[in-house]
């Protein structure tokens, strides 16, 4: 998989440069969400936060959006998020995973993140993906995947 470096906030709230290879050797839940501090994205992040102990028994959790580091810091602090958030401002990672897509709202077309989650194995290969994720029940689906695999 192509090596991409992104600025991010680690689980402790410190700014850091991340690359996918940082997650090699362990399974990773890489979830893409459209925007910090919006209702659906906040609910999704809080669902991952609230289930982190159940999830980290199986994999790391990493959130990715096109928001800035400053926005991620505010989001992380406001919601008490306990996992890294990556800032994909130039959409490199989103493009690599084909989640930077044309969207439409009220007849207006624009480019944005398709809410999606990927499970990467220890070698960073995608072993499961969910696209066009609906937030309610999604984290339960992720947990079920690990229970049944």
Protein backbone atom coordinates (compact mmCIF):
# COMPACT_ATOMS: atom_id res chain seq x y z
CA UNK A 1 0.00 0.00 0.00
CA UNK A 2 1.24 3.48 -0.86
CA UNK A 3 2.98 5.31 2.01
CA UNK A 4 1.19 8.52 2.93
CA UNK A 5 2.15 10.80 5.81
CA UNK A 6 -0.56 12.78 7.59
CA UNK A 7 -0.59 15.13 10.52
CA UNK A 8 -2.76 13.94 13.33
CA UNK A 9 -3.54 13.91 17.00
CA UNK A 10 -2.46 10.82 18.93
CA UNK A 11 -4.65 9.17 21.56
CA UNK A 12 -3.17 11.47 24.23
CA UNK A 13 -3.94 14.68 22.31
CA UNK A 14 -0.40 15.33 21.05
CA UNK A 15 0.24 16.47 17.49
CA UNK A 16 2.20 13.91 15.48
CA UNK A 17 2.97 12.89 11.91
CA UNK A 18 1.45 9.49 11.12
CA UNK A 19 1.94 7.08 8.26
CA UNK A 20 0.03 3.87 7.63
CA UNK A 21 3.17 1.87 8.36
CA UNK A 22 2.87 3.08 11.99
CA UNK A 23 -0.02 0.61 12.29
CA UNK A 24 1.75 -2.34 10.70
CA UNK A 25 1.93 -5.42 12.91
CA UNK A 26 -1.54 -4.97 14.42
CA UNK A 27 -5.04 -4.94 12.98
CA UNK A 28 -6.43 -1.45 12.49
CA UNK A 29 -9.95 -0.06 12.25
CA UNK A 30 -9.59 2.93 9.92
CA UNK A 31 -12.80 4.92 9.80
CA UNK A 32 -13.42 7.92 7.55
CA UNK A 33 -15.95 10.55 8.58
CA UNK A 34 -16.99 13.81 6.91
CA UNK A 35 -16.62 16.53 9.56
CA UNK A 36 -15.69 17.13 13.18
CA UNK A 37 -18.41 18.32 15.56
CA UNK A 38 -21.40 17.44 13.38
CA UNK A 39 -24.18 15.30 14.80
CA UNK A 40 -23.56 12.04 12.88
CA UNK A 41 -19.79 12.27 13.14
CA UNK A 42 -19.95 13.05 16.85
CA UNK A 43 -22.28 10.09 17.46
CA UNK A 44 -19.98 7.78 15.48
CA UNK A 45 -16.82 8.98 17.26
CA UNK A 46 -18.50 8.61 20.66
CA UNK A 47 -19.64 5.08 19.76
CA UNK A 48 -16.03 4.16 18.96
CA UNK A 49 -14.89 5.91 22.16
CA UNK A 50 -17.44 4.12 24.34
CA UNK A 51 -16.53 0.71 22.89
CA UNK A 52 -12.78 1.26 22.66
CA UNK A 53 -11.89 -1.43 25.23
CA UNK A 54 -13.89 -4.02 23.29
CA UNK A 55 -12.35 -2.88 20.01
CA UNK A 56 -8.71 -2.52 21.05
CA UNK A 57 -8.76 -6.12 22.20
CA UNK A 58 -8.95 -6.79 18.43
CA UNK A 59 -7.51 -3.74 16.65
CA UNK A 60 -6.38 -0.11 16.87
CA UNK A 61 -9.02 2.53 16.11
CA UNK A 62 -8.07 5.51 13.92
CA UNK A 63 -10.43 8.25 12.69
CA UNK A 64 -9.76 10.21 9.49
CA UNK A 65 -11.41 13.35 8.14
CA UNK A 66 -10.36 16.33 6.02
CA UNK A 67 -10.54 18.65 9.05
CA UNK A 68 -7.53 20.59 10.34
CA UNK A 69 -5.42 19.67 13.36
CA UNK A 70 -6.97 22.60 15.24
CA UNK A 71 -10.47 21.25 14.52
CA UNK A 72 -9.42 17.72 15.56
CA UNK A 73 -8.03 19.03 18.85
CA UNK A 74 -11.30 20.78 19.69
CA UNK A 75 -13.32 17.70 18.67
CA UNK A 76 -11.10 15.33 20.65
CA UNK A 77 -11.24 17.53 23.78
CA UNK A 78 -14.98 18.22 23.56
CA UNK A 79 -15.85 14.54 23.18
CA UNK A 80 -13.08 12.94 25.27
CA UNK A 81 -11.92 10.85 22.31
CA UNK A 82 -9.30 8.28 23.24
CA UNK A 83 -7.91 7.26 19.83
CA UNK A 84 -5.91 9.02 17.08
CA UNK A 85 -7.51 11.37 14.56
CA UNK A 86 -5.73 11.97 11.25
CA UNK A 87 -6.06 15.19 9.29
CA UNK A 88 -6.38 14.34 5.58
CA UNK A 89 -6.68 17.93 4.35
CA UNK A 90 -5.46 17.16 0.82
CA UNK A 91 -7.54 13.94 0.60
CA UNK A 92 -4.57 11.64 -0.14
CA UNK A 93 -5.69 8.83 2.15
CA UNK A 94 -9.36 9.29 1.25
CA UNK A 95 -8.46 9.06 -2.43
CA UNK A 96 -6.35 5.94 -1.83
CA UNK A 97 -9.37 4.26 -0.18
CA UNK A 98 -11.81 5.66 -2.77
CA UNK A 99 -13.88 7.52 -0.19
CA UNK A 100 -13.33 11.05 -1.57
CA UNK A 101 -16.43 11.10 -3.75
CA UNK A 102 -18.96 13.38 -5.39
CA UNK A 103 -21.91 13.98 -3.08
CA UNK A 104 -25.14 15.86 -3.48
CA UNK A 105 -27.20 17.88 -1.00
CA UNK A 106 -30.25 19.94 -1.91
CA UNK A 107 -29.33 19.54 -5.58
CA UNK A 108 -25.81 20.93 -5.08
CA UNK A 109 -22.94 18.64 -6.03
CA UNK A 110 -19.67 18.76 -4.11
CA UNK A 111 -16.74 16.52 -3.18
CA UNK A 112 -16.63 14.99 0.29
CA UNK A 113 -15.91 11.94 2.42
CA UNK A 114 -18.14 8.90 2.06
CA UNK A 115 -18.56 7.64 5.62
CA UNK A 116 -16.68 4.33 5.50
CA UNK A 117 -14.78 1.92 7.74
CA UNK A 118 -11.97 -0.43 6.80
CA UNK A 119 -10.35 -3.24 8.78
CA UNK A 120 -6.68 -3.58 7.91
CA UNK A 121 -4.75 -6.73 8.80
CA UNK A 122 -1.25 -6.73 10.29
CA UNK A 123 0.23 -6.16 6.80
CA UNK A 124 -2.15 -3.26 6.07
CA UNK A 125 -4.29 -5.28 3.65
CA UNK A 126 -8.01 -4.46 3.69
CA UNK A 127 -9.84 -7.50 5.06
CA UNK A 128 -13.28 -5.91 5.57
CA UNK A 129 -14.95 -2.70 4.49
CA UNK A 130 -18.21 -0.90 5.12
CA UNK A 131 -19.18 1.89 2.73
CA UNK A 132 -21.96 4.46 3.02
CA UNK A 133 -22.07 3.68 6.73
CA UNK A 134 -25.20 4.45 8.72
CA UNK A 135 -24.06 5.47 12.21
CA UNK A 136 -26.64 3.68 14.41
CA UNK A 137 -25.42 0.13 15.05
CA UNK A 138 -22.24 0.47 12.99
CA UNK A 139 -19.77 -0.05 15.84
CA UNK A 140 -21.77 -3.14 16.84
CA UNK A 141 -21.28 -4.44 13.27
CA UNK A 142 -17.53 -3.88 13.59
CA UNK A 143 -17.44 -5.74 16.92
CA UNK A 144 -19.49 -8.59 15.40
CA UNK A 145 -17.01 -8.87 12.55
CA UNK A 146 -14.20 -9.57 15.02
CA UNK A 147 -16.32 -11.99 17.09
CA UNK A 148 -17.16 -13.98 13.97
CA UNK A 149 -13.74 -14.00 12.30
